[in-house]
Amino acid sequence: MTRIVLTKPDIDRALKRIAHEIVESQRGREGLVFLGIPTRGVFLAQRLASLVAAIEPQDVRVGTLDVTMYRDDLATQSTRTTYPTEIPANGIDGRTVILVDDVLFSGRTVRAALDAITALGRPDVVRFAVLVDRGHRELPIRADFVGKNLPTSTSERVNVSIAEVDDRDEVSIA
């Protein structure tokens, strides 16, 4: 049985709130780089960057960070590169990097993303924004910006649908 826990208006509100939190945490510093983790994190990063730019005009860049080759489960998972890593011009050195993903679960994808970032440069600070935090961490990782905390059991699946990929915006638990 699937139940919808976030609708389009809920997602829009959550992203708007996260954008305001990011602007507030920046304290006027320039040099934001949003890096979306494929697949849905890429589009969420684009949305957040647009929202941040609308709140406070500043240098906001968006890129894609493929973490496939940095994962610790390559032996058990098939390689699934969907988007190549694309770092905006001027790189990430000395910038504030906001990693963006759709769901935070075990923390392993974020760990892989941090390894990938380290291979690409040295940002001033790395922060993590996620639409849904479902708990069950296996590593000591937490998100700086969370759209919605959804307590789940490990047997449940959180499905994030976004219009750019799925023709609708919603989050459901199955």
N, C-alpha and C. Protein backbone atom coordinates (compact mmCIF):
# COMPACT_ATOMS: atom_id res chain seq x y z
N MET A 1 0.84 -1.17 0.00
CA MET A 1 0.00 0.00 0.00
C MET A 1 0.89 1.25 0.00
N THR A 2 0.64 2.15 -0.91
CA THR A 2 1.41 3.38 -1.03
C THR A 2 0.60 4.55 -0.48
N ARG A 3 1.28 5.40 0.29
CA ARG A 3 0.61 6.60 0.79
C ARG A 3 1.45 7.82 0.45
N ILE A 4 0.76 8.84 -0.03
CA ILE A 4 1.43 10.08 -0.40
C ILE A 4 1.62 10.91 0.87
N VAL A 5 2.87 11.33 1.11
CA VAL A 5 3.18 12.09 2.32
C VAL A 5 3.52 13.54 2.02
N LEU A 6 3.92 13.85 0.78
CA LEU A 6 4.16 15.23 0.36
C LEU A 6 3.58 15.44 -1.03
N THR A 7 2.84 16.50 -1.19
CA THR A 7 2.29 16.86 -2.50
C THR A 7 3.13 17.98 -3.10
N LYS A 8 2.78 18.42 -4.30
CA LYS A 8 3.52 19.49 -4.96
C LYS A 8 3.60 20.75 -4.09
N PRO A 9 2.48 21.24 -3.53
CA PRO A 9 2.59 22.42 -2.68
C PRO A 9 3.51 22.20 -1.46
N ASP A 10 3.48 20.99 -0.90
CA ASP A 10 4.36 20.68 0.24
C ASP A 10 5.83 20.74 -0.18
N ILE A 11 6.14 20.18 -1.33
CA ILE A 11 7.52 20.19 -1.84
C ILE A 11 7.96 21.62 -2.14
N ASP A 12 7.09 22.39 -2.78
CA ASP A 12 7.41 23.79 -3.09
C ASP A 12 7.71 24.57 -1.81
N ARG A 13 6.89 24.38 -0.78
CA ARG A 13 7.11 25.07 0.50
C ARG A 13 8.43 24.64 1.14
N ALA A 14 8.71 23.35 1.11
CA ALA A 14 9.94 22.84 1.71
C ALA A 14 11.17 23.41 1.00
N LEU A 15 11.14 23.44 -0.33
CA LEU A 15 12.27 23.98 -1.08
C LEU A 15 12.43 25.48 -0.84
N LYS A 16 11.32 26.20 -0.74
CA LYS A 16 11.38 27.63 -0.47
C LYS A 16 12.00 27.88 0.91
N ARG A 17 11.61 27.08 1.89
CA ARG A 17 12.16 27.22 3.24
C ARG A 17 13.65 26.91 3.25
N ILE A 18 14.05 25.83 2.57
CA ILE A 18 15.47 25.48 2.49
C ILE A 18 16.26 26.62 1.84
N ALA A 19 15.71 27.20 0.77
CA ALA A 19 16.40 28.29 0.09
C ALA A 19 16.62 29.46 1.04
N HIS A 20 15.62 29.80 1.84
CA HIS A 20 15.77 30.89 2.81
C HIS A 20 16.82 30.53 3.86
N GLU A 21 16.84 29.28 4.31
CA GLU A 21 17.83 28.85 5.29
C GLU A 21 19.24 28.93 4.71
N ILE A 22 19.39 28.60 3.45
CA ILE A 22 20.70 28.68 2.80
C ILE A 22 21.16 30.12 2.73
N VAL A 23 20.28 31.01 2.31
CA VAL A 23 20.63 32.43 2.23
C VAL A 23 21.03 32.96 3.61
N GLU A 24 20.26 32.60 4.62
CA GLU A 24 20.57 33.04 5.97
C GLU A 24 21.92 32.51 6.43
N SER A 25 22.23 31.26 6.13
CA SER A 25 23.49 30.66 6.56
C SER A 25 24.69 31.25 5.82
N GLN A 26 24.46 31.81 4.65
CA GLN A 26 25.53 32.41 3.85
C GLN A 26 26.02 33.72 4.44
N ARG A 27 25.15 34.43 5.11
CA ARG A 27 25.48 35.72 5.72
C ARG A 27 26.17 36.65 4.73
N GLY A 28 25.60 36.72 3.53
CA GLY A 28 26.10 37.65 2.53
C GLY A 28 27.31 37.18 1.75
N ARG A 29 27.89 36.03 2.10
CA ARG A 29 29.04 35.54 1.35
C ARG A 29 28.62 35.17 -0.05
N GLU A 30 29.50 35.39 -0.97
CA GLU A 30 29.23 35.02 -2.36
C GLU A 30 29.90 33.68 -2.65
N GLY A 31 29.64 33.18 -3.82
CA GLY A 31 30.33 31.97 -4.26
C GLY A 31 29.62 30.68 -3.94
N LEU A 32 28.31 30.66 -4.06
CA LEU A 32 27.56 29.42 -3.85
C LEU A 32 27.65 28.52 -5.07
N VAL A 33 27.86 27.24 -4.82
CA VAL A 33 27.81 26.23 -5.88
C VAL A 33 26.89 25.12 -5.40
N PHE A 34 25.83 24.87 -6.16
CA PHE A 34 24.93 23.76 -5.87
C PHE A 34 25.37 22.57 -6.70
N LEU A 35 25.60 21.43 -6.07
CA LEU A 35 25.93 20.20 -6.78
C LEU A 35 24.85 19.17 -6.50
N GLY A 36 24.10 18.82 -7.53
CA GLY A 36 23.03 17.84 -7.40
C GLY A 36 23.56 16.44 -7.61
N ILE A 37 23.12 15.53 -6.76
CA ILE A 37 23.48 14.11 -6.90
C ILE A 37 22.40 13.45 -7.75
N PRO A 38 22.81 12.87 -8.90
CA PRO A 38 21.81 12.28 -9.81
C PRO A 38 20.98 11.21 -9.13
N THR A 39 19.75 11.08 -9.49
CA THR A 39 19.10 11.75 -10.59
C THR A 39 18.31 12.95 -10.10
N ARG A 40 17.46 12.75 -9.14
CA ARG A 40 16.54 13.81 -8.73
C ARG A 40 17.23 14.96 -8.00
N GLY A 41 18.36 14.70 -7.39
CA GLY A 41 19.10 15.76 -6.73
C GLY A 41 19.58 16.83 -7.68
N VAL A 42 19.81 16.46 -8.94
CA VAL A 42 20.23 17.44 -9.95
C VAL A 42 19.13 18.48 -10.16
N PHE A 43 17.92 18.03 -10.31
CA PHE A 43 16.80 18.94 -10.56
C PHE A 43 16.41 19.72 -9.31
N LEU A 44 16.52 19.09 -8.15
CA LEU A 44 16.26 19.81 -6.91
C LEU A 44 17.30 20.90 -6.71
N ALA A 45 18.56 20.64 -7.07
CA ALA A 45 19.62 21.65 -6.98
C ALA A 45 19.30 22.83 -7.89
N GLN A 46 18.83 22.56 -9.08
CA GLN A 46 18.47 23.64 -10.01
C GLN A 46 17.33 24.48 -9.44
N ARG A 47 16.35 23.83 -8.86
CA ARG A 47 15.24 24.57 -8.26
C ARG A 47 15.71 25.43 -7.10
N LEU A 48 16.54 24.85 -6.23
CA LEU A 48 17.04 25.61 -5.07
C LEU A 48 17.89 26.79 -5.51
N ALA A 49 18.73 26.60 -6.51
CA ALA A 49 19.57 27.70 -7.00
C ALA A 49 18.70 28.84 -7.52
N SER A 50 17.64 28.51 -8.23
CA SER A 50 16.73 29.55 -8.74
C SER A 50 16.04 30.28 -7.59
N LEU A 51 15.62 29.54 -6.58
CA LEU A 51 14.96 30.16 -5.43
C LEU A 51 15.92 31.07 -4.66
N VAL A 52 17.16 30.61 -4.47
CA VAL A 52 18.15 31.42 -3.76
C VAL A 52 18.45 32.69 -4.54
N ALA A 53 18.61 32.57 -5.85
CA ALA A 53 18.90 33.75 -6.69
C ALA A 53 17.75 34.75 -6.65
N ALA A 54 16.53 34.27 -6.50
CA ALA A 54 15.37 35.16 -6.43
C ALA A 54 15.30 35.88 -5.08
N ILE A 55 15.79 35.24 -4.02
CA ILE A 55 15.76 35.84 -2.69
C ILE A 55 16.83 36.91 -2.56
N GLU A 56 18.04 36.55 -2.96
CA GLU A 56 19.17 37.46 -2.81
C GLU A 56 20.09 37.29 -4.01
N PRO A 57 20.12 38.29 -4.87
CA PRO A 57 20.97 38.17 -6.05
C PRO A 57 22.44 37.97 -5.66
N GLN A 58 23.00 36.88 -6.09
CA GLN A 58 24.40 36.58 -5.85
C GLN A 58 24.86 35.56 -6.87
N ASP A 59 26.13 35.31 -6.88
CA ASP A 59 26.73 34.36 -7.80
C ASP A 59 26.31 32.94 -7.39
N VAL A 60 25.36 32.36 -8.11
CA VAL A 60 24.88 31.01 -7.80
C VAL A 60 25.11 30.12 -9.02
N ARG A 61 25.85 29.06 -8.82
CA ARG A 61 26.15 28.14 -9.92
C ARG A 61 25.63 26.76 -9.57
N VAL A 62 25.31 26.01 -10.61
CA VAL A 62 24.74 24.67 -10.42
C VAL A 62 25.54 23.67 -11.24
N GLY A 63 25.81 22.52 -10.63
CA GLY A 63 26.51 21.45 -11.33
C GLY A 63 25.94 20.10 -10.93
N THR A 64 26.55 19.08 -11.46
CA THR A 64 26.14 17.70 -11.21
C THR A 64 27.34 16.93 -10.66
N LEU A 65 27.10 16.10 -9.66
CA LEU A 65 28.17 15.32 -9.05
C LEU A 65 27.82 13.84 -9.10
N ASP A 66 28.43 13.12 -10.03
CA ASP A 66 28.23 11.68 -10.12
C ASP A 66 29.12 11.00 -9.09
N VAL A 67 28.53 10.27 -8.17
CA VAL A 67 29.27 9.64 -7.09
C VAL A 67 29.48 8.15 -7.31
N THR A 68 29.08 7.64 -8.45
CA THR A 68 29.09 6.20 -8.70
C THR A 68 30.43 5.54 -8.36
N MET A 69 31.51 6.08 -8.87
CA MET A 69 32.81 5.44 -8.68
C MET A 69 33.38 5.63 -7.27
N TYR A 70 32.71 6.39 -6.44
CA TYR A 70 33.15 6.62 -5.06
C TYR A 70 32.32 5.82 -4.06
N ARG A 71 31.35 5.06 -4.56
CA ARG A 71 30.47 4.29 -3.68
C ARG A 71 31.22 3.10 -3.10
N ASP A 72 30.79 2.68 -1.92
CA ASP A 72 31.44 1.53 -1.28
C ASP A 72 30.71 0.22 -1.57
N ASP A 73 29.70 0.27 -2.43
CA ASP A 73 28.94 -0.94 -2.76
C ASP A 73 29.05 -1.32 -4.24
N LEU A 74 30.11 -0.89 -4.90
CA LEU A 74 30.27 -1.19 -6.33
C LEU A 74 30.32 -2.69 -6.60
N ALA A 75 30.83 -3.47 -5.66
CA ALA A 75 30.93 -4.91 -5.87
C ALA A 75 29.55 -5.58 -5.87
N THR A 76 28.57 -4.97 -5.19
CA THR A 76 27.25 -5.58 -5.10
C THR A 76 26.19 -4.87 -5.94
N GLN A 77 26.49 -3.66 -6.42
CA GLN A 77 25.54 -2.89 -7.23
C GLN A 77 26.11 -2.72 -8.63
N SER A 78 25.23 -2.72 -9.59
CA SER A 78 25.71 -2.46 -10.95
C SER A 78 26.05 -0.98 -11.08
N THR A 79 27.03 -0.67 -11.92
CA THR A 79 27.40 0.72 -12.16
C THR A 79 26.23 1.41 -12.83
N ARG A 80 25.86 2.59 -12.33
CA ARG A 80 24.65 3.23 -12.82
C ARG A 80 24.85 4.73 -13.09
N THR A 81 25.93 5.06 -13.75
CA THR A 81 26.16 6.45 -14.09
C THR A 81 25.05 6.95 -15.00
N THR A 82 24.39 8.02 -14.60
CA THR A 82 23.30 8.57 -15.40
C THR A 82 23.64 9.97 -15.89
N TYR A 83 24.38 10.71 -15.12
CA TYR A 83 24.77 12.07 -15.47
C TYR A 83 26.26 12.21 -15.18
N PRO A 84 27.00 12.75 -16.12
CA PRO A 84 28.43 12.95 -15.83
C PRO A 84 28.60 14.10 -14.84
N THR A 85 29.71 14.07 -14.12
CA THR A 85 30.02 15.18 -13.22
C THR A 85 30.27 16.42 -14.06
N GLU A 86 29.60 17.49 -13.72
CA GLU A 86 29.78 18.78 -14.39
C GLU A 86 29.93 19.85 -13.31
N ILE A 87 31.16 20.31 -13.15
CA ILE A 87 31.44 21.35 -12.17
C ILE A 87 31.38 22.69 -12.90
N PRO A 88 30.70 23.68 -12.33
CA PRO A 88 30.61 24.99 -12.99
C PRO A 88 32.00 25.61 -13.21
N ALA A 89 32.07 26.51 -14.17
CA ALA A 89 33.31 27.23 -14.42
C ALA A 89 33.80 27.86 -13.12
N ASN A 90 35.06 28.02 -12.98
CA ASN A 90 35.72 28.52 -11.76
C ASN A 90 35.76 27.49 -10.66
N GLY A 91 35.28 26.28 -10.89
CA GLY A 91 35.42 25.18 -9.94
C GLY A 91 34.74 25.38 -8.61
N ILE A 92 35.25 24.65 -7.61
CA ILE A 92 34.66 24.68 -6.27
C ILE A 92 35.63 25.21 -5.22
N ASP A 93 36.88 25.44 -5.60
CA ASP A 93 37.87 25.92 -4.63
C ASP A 93 37.42 27.25 -4.03
N GLY A 94 37.45 27.32 -2.69
CA GLY A 94 37.12 28.55 -2.00
C GLY A 94 35.64 28.92 -2.00
N ARG A 95 34.80 28.03 -2.44
CA ARG A 95 33.36 28.32 -2.53
C ARG A 95 32.59 27.55 -1.46
N THR A 96 31.33 27.94 -1.29
CA THR A 96 30.41 27.19 -0.44
C THR A 96 29.66 26.22 -1.34
N VAL A 97 29.86 24.93 -1.11
CA VAL A 97 29.21 23.90 -1.91
C VAL A 97 28.00 23.39 -1.14
N ILE A 98 26.85 23.40 -1.82
CA ILE A 98 25.64 22.81 -1.25
C ILE A 98 25.37 21.53 -2.04
N LEU A 99 25.60 20.39 -1.41
CA LEU A 99 25.24 19.11 -2.00
C LEU A 99 23.73 18.96 -1.89
N VAL A 100 23.09 18.45 -2.94
CA VAL A 100 21.64 18.32 -2.92
C VAL A 100 21.26 16.90 -3.36
N ASP A 101 20.41 16.26 -2.56
CA ASP A 101 19.89 14.94 -2.91
C ASP A 101 18.42 14.88 -2.53
N ASP A 102 17.75 13.84 -3.01
CA ASP A 102 16.32 13.72 -2.72
C ASP A 102 16.04 13.07 -1.37
N VAL A 103 16.74 11.97 -1.05
CA VAL A 103 16.47 11.23 0.18
C VAL A 103 17.78 10.93 0.90
N LEU A 104 17.81 11.17 2.20
CA LEU A 104 18.93 10.76 3.05
C LEU A 104 18.49 9.53 3.82
N PHE A 105 19.23 8.45 3.64
CA PHE A 105 18.90 7.18 4.28
C PHE A 105 20.09 6.73 5.12
N SER A 106 20.95 5.89 4.58
CA SER A 106 22.08 5.35 5.33
C SER A 106 23.22 6.35 5.48
N GLY A 107 23.34 7.29 4.55
CA GLY A 107 24.43 8.25 4.56
C GLY A 107 25.57 7.87 3.64
N ARG A 108 25.50 6.71 3.02
CA ARG A 108 26.60 6.23 2.18
C ARG A 108 26.75 7.04 0.89
N THR A 109 25.65 7.50 0.31
CA THR A 109 25.75 8.30 -0.91
C THR A 109 26.43 9.63 -0.60
N VAL A 110 26.11 10.22 0.52
CA VAL A 110 26.73 11.49 0.90
C VAL A 110 28.22 11.29 1.18
N ARG A 111 28.58 10.19 1.82
CA ARG A 111 29.99 9.89 2.04
C ARG A 111 30.72 9.80 0.72
N ALA A 112 30.11 9.14 -0.26
CA ALA A 112 30.71 9.04 -1.59
C ALA A 112 30.83 10.42 -2.23
N ALA A 113 29.82 11.26 -2.04
CA ALA A 113 29.85 12.62 -2.60
C ALA A 113 30.98 13.43 -1.99
N LEU A 114 31.20 13.28 -0.70
CA LEU A 114 32.30 14.01 -0.06
C LEU A 114 33.65 13.56 -0.62
N ASP A 115 33.80 12.27 -0.87
CA ASP A 115 35.02 11.77 -1.50
C ASP A 115 35.20 12.35 -2.90
N ALA A 116 34.10 12.41 -3.65
CA ALA A 116 34.15 12.96 -5.02
C ALA A 116 34.53 14.44 -4.99
N ILE A 117 33.98 15.19 -4.06
CA ILE A 117 34.30 16.61 -3.94
C ILE A 117 35.78 16.79 -3.61
N THR A 118 36.28 15.98 -2.70
CA THR A 118 37.69 16.06 -2.31
C THR A 118 38.60 15.82 -3.52
N ALA A 119 38.18 14.97 -4.42
CA ALA A 119 38.98 14.70 -5.62
C ALA A 119 38.94 15.86 -6.61
N LEU A 120 37.94 16.73 -6.49
CA LEU A 120 37.76 17.82 -7.45
C LEU A 120 38.32 19.16 -7.00
N GLY A 121 38.51 19.35 -5.70
CA GLY A 121 39.00 20.63 -5.23
C GLY A 121 38.82 20.78 -3.74
N ARG A 122 38.97 22.03 -3.30
CA ARG A 122 38.87 22.32 -1.87
C ARG A 122 37.94 23.50 -1.63
N PRO A 123 36.66 23.21 -1.40
CA PRO A 123 35.72 24.29 -1.09
C PRO A 123 35.98 24.83 0.32
N ASP A 124 35.49 26.05 0.58
CA ASP A 124 35.58 26.60 1.94
C ASP A 124 34.73 25.78 2.90
N VAL A 125 33.52 25.45 2.45
CA VAL A 125 32.60 24.70 3.29
C VAL A 125 31.69 23.87 2.39
N VAL A 126 31.30 22.70 2.90
CA VAL A 126 30.34 21.85 2.20
C VAL A 126 29.14 21.67 3.12
N ARG A 127 27.96 21.95 2.57
CA ARG A 127 26.72 21.75 3.32
C ARG A 127 25.85 20.77 2.53
N PHE A 128 24.88 20.18 3.20
CA PHE A 128 24.06 19.16 2.58
C PHE A 128 22.59 19.50 2.73
N ALA A 129 21.88 19.55 1.59
CA ALA A 129 20.44 19.81 1.58
C ALA A 129 19.74 18.57 1.02
N VAL A 130 18.67 18.18 1.67
CA VAL A 130 17.93 16.99 1.25
C VAL A 130 16.44 17.27 1.38
N LEU A 131 15.68 16.75 0.43
CA LEU A 131 14.23 16.93 0.49
C LEU A 131 13.64 16.10 1.62
N VAL A 132 14.07 14.84 1.75
CA VAL A 132 13.51 13.93 2.76
C VAL A 132 14.63 13.25 3.54
N ASP A 133 14.55 13.32 4.87
CA ASP A 133 15.44 12.56 5.74
C ASP A 133 14.60 11.47 6.38
N ARG A 134 14.91 10.23 6.04
CA ARG A 134 14.09 9.12 6.55
C ARG A 134 14.72 8.37 7.71
N GLY A 135 15.91 8.81 8.15
CA GLY A 135 16.55 8.15 9.28
C GLY A 135 17.32 6.91 8.87
N HIS A 136 17.70 6.09 9.85
CA HIS A 136 18.40 4.82 9.67
C HIS A 136 19.84 5.00 9.18
N ARG A 137 20.53 5.98 9.73
CA ARG A 137 21.90 6.25 9.33
C ARG A 137 22.83 5.11 9.70
N GLU A 138 23.75 4.81 8.80
CA GLU A 138 24.81 3.84 9.04
C GLU A 138 26.14 4.54 9.26
N LEU A 139 26.19 5.82 8.93
CA LEU A 139 27.39 6.64 9.09
C LEU A 139 27.01 7.91 9.84
N PRO A 140 27.98 8.56 10.50
CA PRO A 140 27.67 9.77 11.27
C PRO A 140 27.51 10.99 10.35
N ILE A 141 26.43 11.01 9.61
CA ILE A 141 26.16 12.07 8.64
C ILE A 141 24.77 12.63 8.91
N ARG A 142 24.66 13.95 8.80
CA ARG A 142 23.35 14.59 8.93
C ARG A 142 23.25 15.69 7.89
N ALA A 143 22.03 16.02 7.55
CA ALA A 143 21.79 17.09 6.58
C ALA A 143 21.75 18.44 7.30
N ASP A 144 22.27 19.48 6.65
CA ASP A 144 22.20 20.83 7.18
C ASP A 144 20.84 21.45 6.93
N PHE A 145 20.23 21.06 5.80
CA PHE A 145 18.94 21.62 5.39
C PHE A 145 18.03 20.45 5.01
N VAL A 146 16.89 20.33 5.69
CA VAL A 146 15.98 19.20 5.48
C VAL A 146 14.59 19.72 5.14
N GLY A 147 14.02 19.21 4.06
CA GLY A 147 12.66 19.57 3.69
C GLY A 147 11.66 18.94 4.62
N LYS A 148 11.80 17.63 4.88
CA LYS A 148 10.85 16.90 5.72
C LYS A 148 11.54 15.70 6.34
N ASN A 149 11.39 15.55 7.65
CA ASN A 149 11.83 14.33 8.34
C ASN A 149 10.68 13.34 8.30
N LEU A 150 10.94 12.16 7.75
CA LEU A 150 9.90 11.13 7.65
C LEU A 150 10.37 9.87 8.36
N PRO A 151 9.91 9.64 9.57
CA PRO A 151 10.27 8.40 10.24
C PRO A 151 9.71 7.21 9.44
N THR A 152 10.57 6.27 9.14
CA THR A 152 10.16 5.10 8.36
C THR A 152 10.75 3.85 8.99
N SER A 153 10.24 2.70 8.58
CA SER A 153 10.90 1.45 8.94
C SER A 153 11.87 1.11 7.82
N THR A 154 12.82 0.25 8.11
CA THR A 154 13.80 -0.11 7.08
C THR A 154 13.16 -0.90 5.95
N SER A 155 12.01 -1.48 6.18
CA SER A 155 11.34 -2.24 5.12
C SER A 155 10.53 -1.35 4.18
N GLU A 156 10.29 -0.11 4.56
CA GLU A 156 9.53 0.80 3.72
C GLU A 156 10.44 1.45 2.68
N ARG A 157 9.83 1.88 1.59
CA ARG A 157 10.56 2.57 0.52
C ARG A 157 9.98 3.97 0.36
N VAL A 158 10.87 4.96 0.34
CA VAL A 158 10.46 6.34 0.11
C VAL A 158 10.67 6.63 -1.37
N ASN A 159 9.61 7.03 -2.05
CA ASN A 159 9.68 7.34 -3.48
C ASN A 159 9.48 8.83 -3.68
N VAL A 160 10.49 9.48 -4.29
CA VAL A 160 10.39 10.89 -4.61
C VAL A 160 10.15 11.01 -6.11
N SER A 161 9.08 11.69 -6.45
CA SER A 161 8.77 11.97 -7.86
C SER A 161 8.86 13.46 -8.07
N ILE A 162 9.58 13.86 -9.12
CA ILE A 162 9.64 15.28 -9.46
C ILE A 162 9.30 15.44 -10.94
N ALA A 163 8.71 16.57 -11.24
CA ALA A 163 8.14 16.81 -12.57
C ALA A 163 9.15 16.63 -13.69
N GLU A 164 10.39 17.05 -13.49
CA GLU A 164 11.40 16.97 -14.54
C GLU A 164 11.71 15.53 -14.96
N VAL A 165 11.47 14.58 -14.07
CA VAL A 165 11.75 13.16 -14.35
C VAL A 165 10.47 12.34 -14.44
N ASP A 166 9.54 12.62 -13.54
CA ASP A 166 8.36 11.76 -13.37
C ASP A 166 7.04 12.41 -13.75
N ASP A 167 7.06 13.62 -14.27
CA ASP A 167 5.86 14.36 -14.67
C ASP A 167 4.93 14.73 -13.53
N ARG A 168 5.41 14.64 -12.28
CA ARG A 168 4.63 15.07 -11.12
C ARG A 168 5.57 15.27 -9.94
N ASP A 169 5.13 16.08 -8.98
CA ASP A 169 5.87 16.30 -7.75
C ASP A 169 5.10 15.66 -6.60
N GLU A 170 5.72 14.65 -5.98
CA GLU A 170 5.14 14.06 -4.78
C GLU A 170 6.16 13.13 -4.11
N VAL A 171 5.95 12.88 -2.84
CA VAL A 171 6.75 11.91 -2.10
C VAL A 171 5.77 10.93 -1.51
N SER A 172 6.09 9.64 -1.69
CA SER A 172 5.22 8.60 -1.15
C SER A 172 6.05 7.57 -0.41
N ILE A 173 5.37 6.83 0.45
CA ILE A 173 6.00 5.72 1.17
C ILE A 173 5.26 4.46 0.78
N ALA A 174 6.02 3.46 0.42
CA ALA A 174 5.43 2.16 0.03
C ALA A 174 5.93 1.07 0.96
